[in-house]
Amino acid sequence: MKSALVVATLLVTLPPLSRADDFALNVGAIEVVGVPSMAHTGFYPYAAISLVSPDNEIILIPSLGIEWSPESNRWGFVSALTIDFPVTSRIGVDITSVFIHDQSGQDWKNALYFLGVGPGLSVSLNRWVVSSNVCLFRALNSSDWVLVPGINLARIL
């Protein structure tokens, strides 16, 4: 009986075994709004791949993707790092930092570069994750500021 109690205590108190990292495919969209004017400057659907790296207390999610605004014919590459703090087994509070390259057509010389950060919320439904966030971006090569709300749907592979 004592050994069963010791084993049960160990199973309850030991940290869970770490999982291997998982890849995820992402699709989503962002709305870009100028600050302080609050004028619409673009709607960008995107696709990305991410790596979900669970830890005991946080989940790190680096990603790389591409976005395109059909209305303004602008596009760019996006790299992000989301730090997810699980609140329950299905809900997480996020902090996301993002680096964006944005250009018109093939005009690499006049591309804009933005760095942003903001809060978000994620809901996990088995291998699907729906998340939203709002990031404030500062252009690195101009004086522009933009506010960018977004929504993401990820499928963990």
Protein backbone atom coordinates (compact mmCIF):
# COMPACT_ATOMS: atom_id res chain seq x y z
CA MET A 1 0.00 0.00 0.00
CA LYS A 2 2.86 2.39 0.86
CA SER A 3 4.56 1.88 -2.51
CA ALA A 4 1.27 2.54 -4.35
CA LEU A 5 0.89 5.79 -2.39
CA VAL A 6 4.47 6.82 -3.24
CA VAL A 7 3.94 6.07 -6.96
CA ALA A 8 0.62 7.98 -6.98
CA THR A 9 2.27 10.96 -5.25
CA LEU A 10 5.12 10.98 -7.76
CA LEU A 11 2.74 10.80 -10.72
CA VAL A 12 0.78 13.78 -9.41
CA THR A 13 3.76 15.94 -8.40
CA LEU A 14 6.27 15.27 -11.17
CA PRO A 15 6.22 17.76 -14.05
CA PRO A 16 4.75 16.38 -17.26
CA LEU A 17 7.15 14.96 -19.82
CA SER A 18 7.99 17.54 -22.44
CA ARG A 19 6.40 17.14 -25.81
CA ALA A 20 8.28 17.41 -29.02
CA ASP A 21 7.85 20.61 -30.97
CA ASP A 22 4.98 20.63 -33.47
CA PHE A 23 4.67 22.47 -36.76
CA ALA A 24 1.47 24.33 -37.59
CA LEU A 25 0.00 25.81 -40.75
CA ASN A 26 -1.60 29.21 -40.30
CA VAL A 27 -4.01 31.37 -42.28
CA GLY A 28 -5.42 34.66 -41.18
CA ALA A 29 -5.97 38.30 -41.90
CA ILE A 30 -4.94 41.67 -40.50
CA GLU A 31 -6.40 45.14 -40.82
CA VAL A 32 -3.85 47.98 -40.90
CA VAL A 33 -4.96 51.30 -39.44
CA GLY A 34 -2.88 54.48 -39.40
CA VAL A 35 -2.08 56.10 -36.05
CA PRO A 36 -3.20 58.66 -34.99
CA SER A 37 -5.51 59.18 -37.99
CA MET A 38 -7.24 55.77 -37.54
CA ALA A 39 -7.53 55.66 -41.35
CA HIS A 40 -7.75 52.25 -43.05
CA THR A 41 -4.50 51.61 -44.92
CA GLY A 42 -4.83 47.95 -45.91
CA PHE A 43 -6.39 44.54 -45.41
CA TYR A 44 -3.89 41.68 -45.68
CA PRO A 45 -4.73 37.97 -45.79
CA TYR A 46 -1.70 35.81 -44.98
CA ALA A 47 -0.34 32.28 -44.75
CA ALA A 48 2.45 31.14 -42.45
CA ILE A 49 4.15 28.17 -40.90
CA SER A 50 4.93 28.10 -37.20
CA LEU A 51 6.72 25.92 -34.69
CA VAL A 52 4.84 25.28 -31.46
CA SER A 53 7.33 24.72 -28.61
CA PRO A 54 5.51 23.83 -25.40
CA ASP A 55 7.11 24.28 -22.01
CA ASN A 56 5.64 23.66 -18.58
CA GLU A 57 4.41 27.23 -18.12
CA ILE A 58 4.61 28.94 -21.53
CA ILE A 59 4.40 28.06 -25.19
CA LEU A 60 6.82 29.71 -27.63
CA ILE A 61 5.55 30.01 -31.21
CA PRO A 62 7.95 31.45 -33.79
CA SER A 63 6.47 31.81 -37.28
CA LEU A 64 7.35 32.89 -40.79
CA GLY A 65 4.81 33.89 -43.41
CA ILE A 66 3.79 36.01 -46.35
CA GLU A 67 0.96 38.54 -46.61
CA TRP A 68 -0.67 40.39 -49.48
CA SER A 69 -3.11 43.28 -49.75
CA PRO A 70 -5.15 42.88 -52.96
CA GLU A 71 -6.61 46.39 -52.63
CA SER A 72 -3.26 48.18 -52.45
CA ASN A 73 -1.15 45.60 -54.32
CA ARG A 74 1.34 45.50 -51.45
CA TRP A 75 2.88 42.38 -50.01
CA GLY A 76 5.56 41.32 -47.61
CA PHE A 77 7.21 38.75 -45.42
CA VAL A 78 6.30 38.44 -41.75
CA SER A 79 8.23 36.91 -38.88
CA ALA A 80 6.70 36.70 -35.43
CA LEU A 81 7.24 35.29 -31.98
CA THR A 82 4.20 34.62 -29.84
CA ILE A 83 4.57 33.78 -26.18
CA ASP A 84 1.42 32.00 -25.01
CA PHE A 85 0.63 31.78 -21.30
CA PRO A 86 -1.96 29.01 -20.83
CA VAL A 87 -4.80 30.07 -18.52
CA THR A 88 -6.72 26.79 -18.92
CA SER A 89 -6.13 23.72 -21.06
CA ARG A 90 -7.94 25.51 -23.94
CA ILE A 91 -7.36 29.26 -23.40
CA GLY A 92 -4.11 31.19 -23.49
CA VAL A 93 -3.14 34.84 -23.12
CA ASP A 94 -0.53 35.90 -25.67
CA ILE A 95 2.15 38.50 -26.19
CA THR A 96 3.23 38.76 -29.83
CA SER A 97 6.19 40.58 -31.35
CA VAL A 98 6.27 40.93 -35.12
CA PHE A 99 8.70 42.12 -37.80
CA ILE A 100 7.09 42.96 -41.15
CA HIS A 101 8.55 43.77 -44.55
CA ASP A 102 6.00 45.52 -46.83
CA GLN A 103 6.44 46.67 -50.42
CA SER A 104 4.59 47.53 -53.58
CA GLY A 105 5.08 45.02 -56.40
CA GLN A 106 8.79 44.43 -57.05
CA ASP A 107 9.92 47.73 -55.47
CA TRP A 108 12.41 46.21 -53.03
CA LYS A 109 14.32 49.49 -52.76
CA ASN A 110 11.36 51.34 -51.21
CA ALA A 111 10.11 48.56 -48.94
CA LEU A 112 8.85 49.54 -45.50
CA TYR A 113 9.90 47.69 -42.35
CA PHE A 114 7.78 47.58 -39.20
CA LEU A 115 8.34 46.25 -35.70
CA GLY A 116 5.34 45.69 -33.45
CA VAL A 117 4.13 44.15 -30.23
CA GLY A 118 0.78 43.51 -28.65
CA PRO A 119 -1.55 41.30 -26.61
CA GLY A 120 -3.72 38.46 -27.84
CA LEU A 121 -5.94 35.56 -26.87
CA SER A 122 -5.84 31.95 -28.13
CA VAL A 123 -8.46 29.22 -27.96
CA SER A 124 -7.37 25.63 -28.63
CA LEU A 125 -9.79 23.09 -30.04
CA ASN A 126 -7.76 19.89 -30.20
CA ARG A 127 -5.32 20.41 -33.12
CA TRP A 128 -6.96 23.70 -34.19
CA VAL A 129 -6.13 27.05 -32.57
CA VAL A 130 -8.03 30.29 -33.15
CA SER A 131 -6.26 33.41 -31.96
CA SER A 132 -6.67 37.14 -32.15
CA ASN A 133 -4.33 39.98 -31.31
CA VAL A 134 -3.82 43.72 -31.63
CA CYS A 135 -0.30 45.00 -32.25
CA LEU A 136 1.08 48.52 -32.36
CA PHE A 137 3.78 48.90 -35.01
CA ARG A 138 6.46 51.52 -35.57
CA ALA A 139 8.00 51.81 -39.02
CA LEU A 140 11.77 51.40 -38.85
CA ASN A 141 12.50 53.41 -42.01
CA SER A 142 9.79 56.09 -41.85
CA SER A 143 7.86 57.96 -39.18
CA ASP A 144 4.69 55.85 -39.54
CA TRP A 145 2.81 54.15 -36.72
CA VAL A 146 0.03 51.62 -37.36
CA LEU A 147 -2.41 49.66 -35.25
CA VAL A 148 -3.02 46.14 -36.52
CA PRO A 149 -5.81 43.89 -35.25
CA GLY A 150 -5.64 40.35 -36.61
CA ILE A 151 -7.16 36.90 -36.48
CA ASN A 152 -5.37 33.59 -37.06
CA LEU A 153 -6.44 30.00 -37.59
CA ALA A 154 -3.73 27.39 -37.04
CA ARG A 155 -3.75 23.65 -37.64
CA ILE A 156 -1.15 21.80 -35.62
CA LEU A 157 0.31 19.01 -37.74
